[in-house]
Amino acid sequence: SNGRVMLSGPAGAGKEIAARYIHAHSPRADG
């Protein structure tokens, strides 16, 4: 989807990796 996502959780839990996972598996992966 193209929906906005809010990732919550403690510091160091892997929120940025989760965001990059969404990007890498989305239609915007080449962007």
PDB file of all heavy atoms in Angstrom:
ATOM      1  N   SER A   1       0.840  -1.196   0.000  1.00  0.00           N
ATOM      2  CA  SER A   1       0.000   0.000   0.000  1.00  0.00           C
ATOM      3  C   SER A   1       0.878   1.249   0.000  1.00  0.00           C
ATOM      4  O   SER A   1       2.102   1.168   0.007  1.00  0.00           O
ATOM      5  CB  SER A   1      -0.918   0.012   1.228  1.00  0.00           C
ATOM      6  OG  SER A   1      -0.169   0.365   2.386  1.00  0.00           O
ATOM      7  N   ASN A   2       0.231   2.394   0.034  1.00  0.00           N
ATOM      8  CA  ASN A   2       0.952   3.661   0.111  1.00  0.00           C
ATOM      9  C   ASN A   2       0.631   4.384   1.412  1.00  0.00           C
ATOM     10  O   ASN A   2       0.934   5.562   1.567  1.00  0.00           O
ATOM     11  CB  ASN A   2       0.587   4.555  -1.087  1.00  0.00           C
ATOM     12  CG  ASN A   2       1.659   5.587  -1.392  1.00  0.00           C
ATOM     13  OD1 ASN A   2       2.845   5.304  -1.272  1.00  0.00           O
ATOM     14  ND2 ASN A   2       1.239   6.785  -1.769  1.00  0.00           N
ATOM     15  N   GLY A   3      -0.004   3.631   2.336  1.00  0.00           N
ATOM     16  CA  GLY A   3      -0.444   4.230   3.592  1.00  0.00           C
ATOM     17  C   GLY A   3       0.713   4.634   4.487  1.00  0.00           C
ATOM     18  O   GLY A   3       1.781   4.027   4.471  1.00  0.00           O
ATOM     19  N   ARG A   4       0.494   5.666   5.284  1.00  0.00           N
ATOM     20  CA  ARG A   4       1.516   6.126   6.220  1.00  0.00           C
ATOM     21  C   ARG A   4       1.539   5.215   7.443  1.00  0.00           C
ATOM     22  O   ARG A   4       0.498   4.854   7.987  1.00  0.00           O
ATOM     23  CB  ARG A   4       1.253   7.574   6.634  1.00  0.00           C
ATOM     24  CG  ARG A   4       1.203   8.512   5.427  1.00  0.00           C
ATOM     25  CD  ARG A   4       1.026   9.972   5.856  1.00  0.00           C
ATOM     26  NE  ARG A   4       0.652  10.752   4.668  1.00  0.00           N
ATOM     27  CZ  ARG A   4      -0.552  11.216   4.425  1.00  0.00           C
ATOM     28  NH1 ARG A   4      -1.524  10.974   5.286  1.00  0.00           N
ATOM     29  NH2 ARG A   4      -0.808  11.885   3.327  1.00  0.00           N
ATOM     30  N   VAL A   5       2.736   4.887   7.880  1.00  0.00           N
ATOM     31  CA  VAL A   5       2.923   3.930   8.968  1.00  0.00           C
ATOM     32  C   VAL A   5       3.635   4.619  10.123  1.00  0.00           C
ATOM     33  O   VAL A   5       4.598   5.364   9.910  1.00  0.00           O
ATOM     34  CB  VAL A   5       3.753   2.716   8.502  1.00  0.00           C
ATOM     35  CG1 VAL A   5       3.984   1.736   9.649  1.00  0.00           C
ATOM     36  CG2 VAL A   5       3.058   2.017   7.332  1.00  0.00           C
ATOM     37  N   MET A   6       3.157   4.385  11.342  1.00  0.00           N
ATOM     38  CA  MET A   6       3.823   4.878  12.545  1.00  0.00           C
ATOM     39  C   MET A   6       4.364   3.682  13.325  1.00  0.00           C
ATOM     40  O   MET A   6       3.603   2.833  13.801  1.00  0.00           O
ATOM     41  CB  MET A   6       2.843   5.666  13.422  1.00  0.00           C
ATOM     42  CG  MET A   6       3.423   6.127  14.750  1.00  0.00           C
ATOM     43  SD  MET A   6       4.724   7.363  14.572  1.00  0.00           S
ATOM     44  CE  MET A   6       3.746   8.794  14.099  1.00  0.00           C
ATOM     45  N   LEU A   7       5.691   3.593  13.422  1.00  0.00           N
ATOM     46  CA  LEU A   7       6.344   2.512  14.142  1.00  0.00           C
ATOM     47  C   LEU A   7       6.679   2.995  15.554  1.00  0.00           C
ATOM     48  O   LEU A   7       7.368   4.006  15.712  1.00  0.00           O
ATOM     49  CB  LEU A   7       7.625   2.085  13.422  1.00  0.00           C
ATOM     50  CG  LEU A   7       7.447   1.581  11.984  1.00  0.00           C
ATOM     51  CD1 LEU A   7       8.784   1.537  11.262  1.00  0.00           C
ATOM     52  CD2 LEU A   7       6.790   0.197  11.979  1.00  0.00           C
ATOM     53  N   SER A   8       6.213   2.282  16.558  1.00  0.00           N
ATOM     54  CA  SER A   8       6.506   2.654  17.938  1.00  0.00           C
ATOM     55  C   SER A   8       7.234   1.517  18.625  1.00  0.00           C
ATOM     56  O   SER A   8       7.085   0.349  18.266  1.00  0.00           O
ATOM     57  CB  SER A   8       5.209   2.985  18.690  1.00  0.00           C
ATOM     58  OG  SER A   8       4.361   1.841  18.721  1.00  0.00           O
ATOM     59  N   GLY A   9       8.034   1.860  19.617  1.00  0.00           N
ATOM     60  CA  GLY A   9       8.787   0.853  20.337  1.00  0.00           C
ATOM     61  C   GLY A   9      10.010   1.466  20.989  1.00  0.00           C
ATOM     62  O   GLY A   9      10.387   2.600  20.692  1.00  0.00           O
ATOM     63  N   PRO A  10      10.662   0.743  21.878  1.00  0.00           N
ATOM     64  CA  PRO A  10      11.819   1.298  22.594  1.00  0.00           C
ATOM     65  C   PRO A  10      13.014   1.522  21.683  1.00  0.00           C
ATOM     66  O   PRO A  10      13.104   0.945  20.595  1.00  0.00           O
ATOM     67  CB  PRO A  10      12.110   0.220  23.656  1.00  0.00           C
ATOM     68  CG  PRO A  10      11.567  -1.041  23.079  1.00  0.00           C
ATOM     69  CD  PRO A  10      10.357  -0.643  22.295  1.00  0.00           C
ATOM     70  N   ALA A  11      13.939   2.342  22.133  1.00  0.00           N
ATOM     71  CA  ALA A  11      15.149   2.628  21.368  1.00  0.00           C
ATOM     72  C   ALA A  11      15.948   1.349  21.139  1.00  0.00           C
ATOM     73  O   ALA A  11      16.116   0.542  22.050  1.00  0.00           O
ATOM     74  CB  ALA A  11      16.007   3.660  22.108  1.00  0.00           C
ATOM     75  N   GLY A  12      16.424   1.188  19.898  1.00  0.00           N
ATOM     76  CA  GLY A  12      17.254   0.031  19.574  1.00  0.00           C
ATOM     77  C   GLY A  12      16.489  -1.227  19.230  1.00  0.00           C
ATOM     78  O   GLY A  12      17.089  -2.281  18.998  1.00  0.00           O
ATOM     79  N   ALA A  13      15.151  -1.145  19.186  1.00  0.00           N
ATOM     80  CA  ALA A  13      14.350  -2.352  18.925  1.00  0.00           C
ATOM     81  C   ALA A  13      14.331  -2.731  17.448  1.00  0.00           C
ATOM     82  O   ALA A  13      13.968  -3.858  17.102  1.00  0.00           O
ATOM     83  CB  ALA A  13      12.921  -2.153  19.429  1.00  0.00           C
ATOM     84  N   GLY A  14      14.705  -1.806  16.550  1.00  0.00           N
ATOM     85  CA  GLY A  14      14.735  -2.127  15.125  1.00  0.00           C
ATOM     86  C   GLY A  14      13.673  -1.435  14.308  1.00  0.00           C
ATOM     87  O   GLY A  14      13.248  -1.944  13.271  1.00  0.00           O
ATOM     88  N   LYS A  15      13.267  -0.237  14.731  1.00  0.00           N
ATOM     89  CA  LYS A  15      12.202   0.475  14.004  1.00  0.00           C
ATOM     90  C   LYS A  15      12.669   0.912  12.611  1.00  0.00           C
ATOM     91  O   LYS A  15      11.920   0.828  11.650  1.00  0.00           O
ATOM     92  CB  LYS A  15      11.724   1.678  14.826  1.00  0.00           C
ATOM     93  CG  LYS A  15      11.098   1.300  16.171  1.00  0.00           C
ATOM     94  CD  LYS A  15      10.531   2.499  16.892  1.00  0.00           C
ATOM     95  CE  LYS A  15      11.602   3.446  17.377  1.00  0.00           C
ATOM     96  NZ  LYS A  15      12.508   2.816  18.384  1.00  0.00           N
ATOM     97  N   GLU A  16      13.925   1.373  12.502  1.00  0.00           N
ATOM     98  CA  GLU A  16      14.402   1.794  11.185  1.00  0.00           C
ATOM     99  C   GLU A  16      14.540   0.601  10.242  1.00  0.00           C
ATOM    100  O   GLU A  16      14.238   0.708   9.052  1.00  0.00           O
ATOM    101  CB  GLU A  16      15.747   2.518  11.292  1.00  0.00           C
ATOM    102  CG  GLU A  16      16.227   3.034   9.940  1.00  0.00           C
ATOM    103  CD  GLU A  16      17.489   3.875  10.014  1.00  0.00           C
ATOM    104  OE1 GLU A  16      17.787   4.418  11.096  1.00  0.00           O
ATOM    105  OE2 GLU A  16      18.182   3.994   8.975  1.00  0.00           O
ATOM    106  N   ILE A  17      14.976  -0.532  10.764  1.00  0.00           N
ATOM    107  CA  ILE A  17      15.064  -1.740   9.922  1.00  0.00           C
ATOM    108  C   ILE A  17      13.673  -2.124   9.433  1.00  0.00           C
ATOM    109  O   ILE A  17      13.492  -2.520   8.274  1.00  0.00           O
ATOM    110  CB  ILE A  17      15.721  -2.891  10.693  1.00  0.00           C
ATOM    111  CG1 ILE A  17      17.200  -2.576  10.940  1.00  0.00           C
ATOM    112  CG2 ILE A  17      15.593  -4.210   9.934  1.00  0.00           C
ATOM    113  CD1 ILE A  17      17.925  -3.627  11.748  1.00  0.00           C
ATOM    114  N   ALA A  18      12.675  -1.996  10.300  1.00  0.00           N
ATOM    115  CA  ALA A  18      11.296  -2.294   9.896  1.00  0.00           C
ATOM    116  C   ALA A  18      10.848  -1.337   8.787  1.00  0.00           C
ATOM    117  O   ALA A  18      10.193  -1.751   7.823  1.00  0.00           O
ATOM    118  CB  ALA A  18      10.363  -2.193  11.104  1.00  0.00           C
ATOM    119  N   ALA A  19      11.220  -0.055   8.917  1.00  0.00           N
ATOM    120  CA  ALA A  19      10.858   0.925   7.881  1.00  0.00           C
ATOM    121  C   ALA A  19      11.548   0.591   6.560  1.00  0.00           C
ATOM    122  O   ALA A  19      10.937   0.680   5.484  1.00  0.00           O
ATOM    123  CB  ALA A  19      11.251   2.332   8.345  1.00  0.00           C
ATOM    124  N   ARG A  20      12.819   0.209   6.623  1.00  0.00           N
ATOM    125  CA  ARG A  20      13.544  -0.153   5.397  1.00  0.00           C
ATOM    126  C   ARG A  20      12.982  -1.436   4.784  1.00  0.00           C
ATOM    127  O   ARG A  20      12.980  -1.607   3.570  1.00  0.00           O
ATOM    128  CB  ARG A  20      15.033  -0.318   5.711  1.00  0.00           C
ATOM    129  CG  ARG A  20      15.727   0.992   6.075  1.00  0.00           C
ATOM    130  CD  ARG A  20      17.224   0.786   6.268  1.00  0.00           C
ATOM    131  NE  ARG A  20      17.895   2.005   6.690  1.00  0.00           N
ATOM    132  CZ  ARG A  20      18.295   2.958   5.874  1.00  0.00           C
ATOM    133  NH1 ARG A  20      18.100   2.836   4.575  1.00  0.00           N
ATOM    134  NH2 ARG A  20      18.912   4.047   6.337  1.00  0.00           N
ATOM    135  N   TYR A  21      12.485  -2.335   5.620  1.00  0.00           N
ATOM    136  CA  TYR A  21      11.859  -3.560   5.116  1.00  0.00           C
ATOM    137  C   TYR A  21      10.603  -3.212   4.313  1.00  0.00           C
ATOM    138  O   TYR A  21      10.375  -3.751   3.225  1.00  0.00           O
ATOM    139  CB  TYR A  21      11.508  -4.486   6.280  1.00  0.00           C
ATOM    140  CG  TYR A  21      10.807  -5.759   5.867  1.00  0.00           C
ATOM    141  CD1 TYR A  21      11.529  -6.883   5.492  1.00  0.00           C
ATOM    142  CD2 TYR A  21       9.415  -5.836   5.854  1.00  0.00           C
ATOM    143  CE1 TYR A  21      10.891  -8.056   5.101  1.00  0.00           C
ATOM    144  CE2 TYR A  21       8.766  -6.999   5.466  1.00  0.00           C
ATOM    145  CZ  TYR A  21       9.512  -8.105   5.087  1.00  0.00           C
ATOM    146  OH  TYR A  21       8.874  -9.264   4.691  1.00  0.00           O
ATOM    147  N   ILE A  22       9.787  -2.287   4.849  1.00  0.00           N
ATOM    148  CA  ILE A  22       8.590  -1.858   4.124  1.00  0.00           C
ATOM    149  C   ILE A  22       8.981  -1.282   2.773  1.00  0.00           C
ATOM    150  O   ILE A  22       8.395  -1.616   1.736  1.00  0.00           O
ATOM    151  CB  ILE A  22       7.810  -0.819   4.957  1.00  0.00           C
ATOM    152  CG1 ILE A  22       7.261  -1.453   6.235  1.00  0.00           C
ATOM    153  CG2 ILE A  22       6.663  -0.219   4.128  1.00  0.00           C
ATOM    154  CD1 ILE A  22       6.649  -0.442   7.199  1.00  0.00           C
ATOM    155  N   HIS A  23       9.991  -0.400   2.775  1.00  0.00           N
ATOM    156  CA  HIS A  23      10.442   0.231   1.527  1.00  0.00           C
ATOM    157  C   HIS A  23      10.969  -0.793   0.538  1.00  0.00           C
ATOM    158  O   HIS A  23      10.620  -0.769  -0.652  1.00  0.00           O
ATOM    159  CB  HIS A  23      11.526   1.261   1.855  1.00  0.00           C
ATOM    160  CG  HIS A  23      12.238   1.801   0.658  1.00  0.00           C
ATOM    161  ND1 HIS A  23      13.542   1.486   0.356  1.00  0.00           N
ATOM    162  CD2 HIS A  23      11.824   2.628  -0.343  1.00  0.00           C
ATOM    163  CE1 HIS A  23      13.896   2.102  -0.754  1.00  0.00           C
ATOM    164  NE2 HIS A  23      12.892   2.793  -1.204  1.00  0.00           N
ATOM    165  N   ALA A  24      11.817  -1.724   1.017  1.00  0.00           N
ATOM    166  CA  ALA A  24      12.463  -2.691   0.125  1.00  0.00           C
ATOM    167  C   ALA A  24      11.479  -3.647  -0.517  1.00  0.00           C
ATOM    168  O   ALA A  24      11.761  -4.217  -1.573  1.00  0.00           O
ATOM    169  CB  ALA A  24      13.522  -3.484   0.901  1.00  0.00           C
ATOM    170  N   HIS A  25      10.308  -3.846   0.095  1.00  0.00           N
ATOM    171  CA  HIS A  25       9.319  -4.789  -0.439  1.00  0.00           C
ATOM    172  C   HIS A  25       8.090  -4.073  -1.000  1.00  0.00           C
ATOM    173  O   HIS A  25       7.045  -4.689  -1.207  1.00  0.00           O
ATOM    174  CB  HIS A  25       8.908  -5.789   0.650  1.00  0.00           C
ATOM    175  CG  HIS A  25      10.016  -6.701   1.071  1.00  0.00           C
ATOM    176  ND1 HIS A  25      11.007  -6.315   1.954  1.00  0.00           N
ATOM    177  CD2 HIS A  25      10.315  -7.973   0.701  1.00  0.00           C
ATOM    178  CE1 HIS A  25      11.853  -7.319   2.127  1.00  0.00           C
ATOM    179  NE2 HIS A  25      11.462  -8.317   1.381  1.00  0.00           N
ATOM    180  N   SER A  26       8.233  -2.775  -1.258  1.00  0.00           N
ATOM    181  CA  SER A  26       7.107  -1.998  -1.777  1.00  0.00           C
ATOM    182  C   SER A  26       7.344  -1.644  -3.240  1.00  0.00           C
ATOM    183  O   SER A  26       8.447  -1.824  -3.762  1.00  0.00           O
ATOM    184  CB  SER A  26       6.967  -0.696  -0.967  1.00  0.00           C
ATOM    185  OG  SER A  26       8.011   0.214  -1.319  1.00  0.00           O
ATOM    186  N   PRO A  27       6.325  -1.142  -3.935  1.00  0.00           N
ATOM    187  CA  PRO A  27       6.524  -0.695  -5.320  1.00  0.00           C
ATOM    188  C   PRO A  27       7.520   0.453  -5.446  1.00  0.00           C
ATOM    189  O   PRO A  27       7.956   0.779  -6.547  1.00  0.00           O
ATOM    190  CB  PRO A  27       5.106  -0.247  -5.734  1.00  0.00           C
ATOM    191  CG  PRO A  27       4.182  -0.973  -4.819  1.00  0.00           C
ATOM    192  CD  PRO A  27       4.911  -1.083  -3.528  1.00  0.00           C
ATOM    193  N   ARG A  28       7.888   1.075  -4.322  1.00  0.00           N
ATOM    194  CA  ARG A  28       8.842   2.181  -4.332  1.00  0.00           C
ATOM    195  C   ARG A  28      10.274   1.705  -4.063  1.00  0.00           C
ATOM    196  O   ARG A  28      11.157   2.539  -3.794  1.00  0.00           O
ATOM    197  CB  ARG A  28       8.450   3.216  -3.280  1.00  0.00           C
ATOM    198  CG  ARG A  28       7.117   3.895  -3.548  1.00  0.00           C
ATOM    199  CD  ARG A  28       6.724   4.828  -2.395  1.00  0.00           C
ATOM    200  NE  ARG A  28       5.463   5.494  -2.694  1.00  0.00           N
ATOM    201  CZ  ARG A  28       5.367   6.711  -3.203  1.00  0.00           C
ATOM    202  NH1 ARG A  28       6.468   7.394  -3.468  1.00  0.00           N
ATOM    203  NH2 ARG A  28       4.197   7.260  -3.450  1.00  0.00           N
ATOM    204  N   ALA A  29      10.515   0.420  -4.129  1.00  0.00           N
ATOM    205  CA  ALA A  29      11.827  -0.117  -3.763  1.00  0.00           C
ATOM    206  C   ALA A  29      12.964   0.482  -4.579  1.00  0.00           C
ATOM    207  O   ALA A  29      14.091   0.610  -4.086  1.00  0.00           O
ATOM    208  CB  ALA A  29      11.821  -1.634  -3.902  1.00  0.00           C
ATOM    209  N   ASP A  30      12.681   0.852  -5.839  1.00  0.00           N
ATOM    210  CA  ASP A  30      13.724   1.445  -6.684  1.00  0.00           C
ATOM    211  C   ASP A  30      13.916   2.934  -6.419  1.00  0.00           C
ATOM    212  O   ASP A  30      14.861   3.545  -6.914  1.00  0.00           O
ATOM    213  CB  ASP A  30      13.393   1.243  -8.168  1.00  0.00           C
ATOM    214  CG  ASP A  30      13.483  -0.225  -8.582  1.00  0.00           C
ATOM    215  OD1 ASP A  30      14.255  -0.962  -7.930  1.00  0.00           O
ATOM    216  OD2 ASP A  30      12.785  -0.621  -9.521  1.00  0.00           O
ATOM    217  N   GLY A  31      13.029   3.517  -5.625  1.00  0.00           N
ATOM    218  CA  GLY A  31      13.146   4.930  -5.282  1.00  0.00           C
ATOM    219  C   GLY A  31      14.005   5.120  -4.044  1.00  0.00           C
ATOM    220  O   GLY A  31      14.431   4.159  -3.399  1.00  0.00           O
TER     221      GLY A  31
END
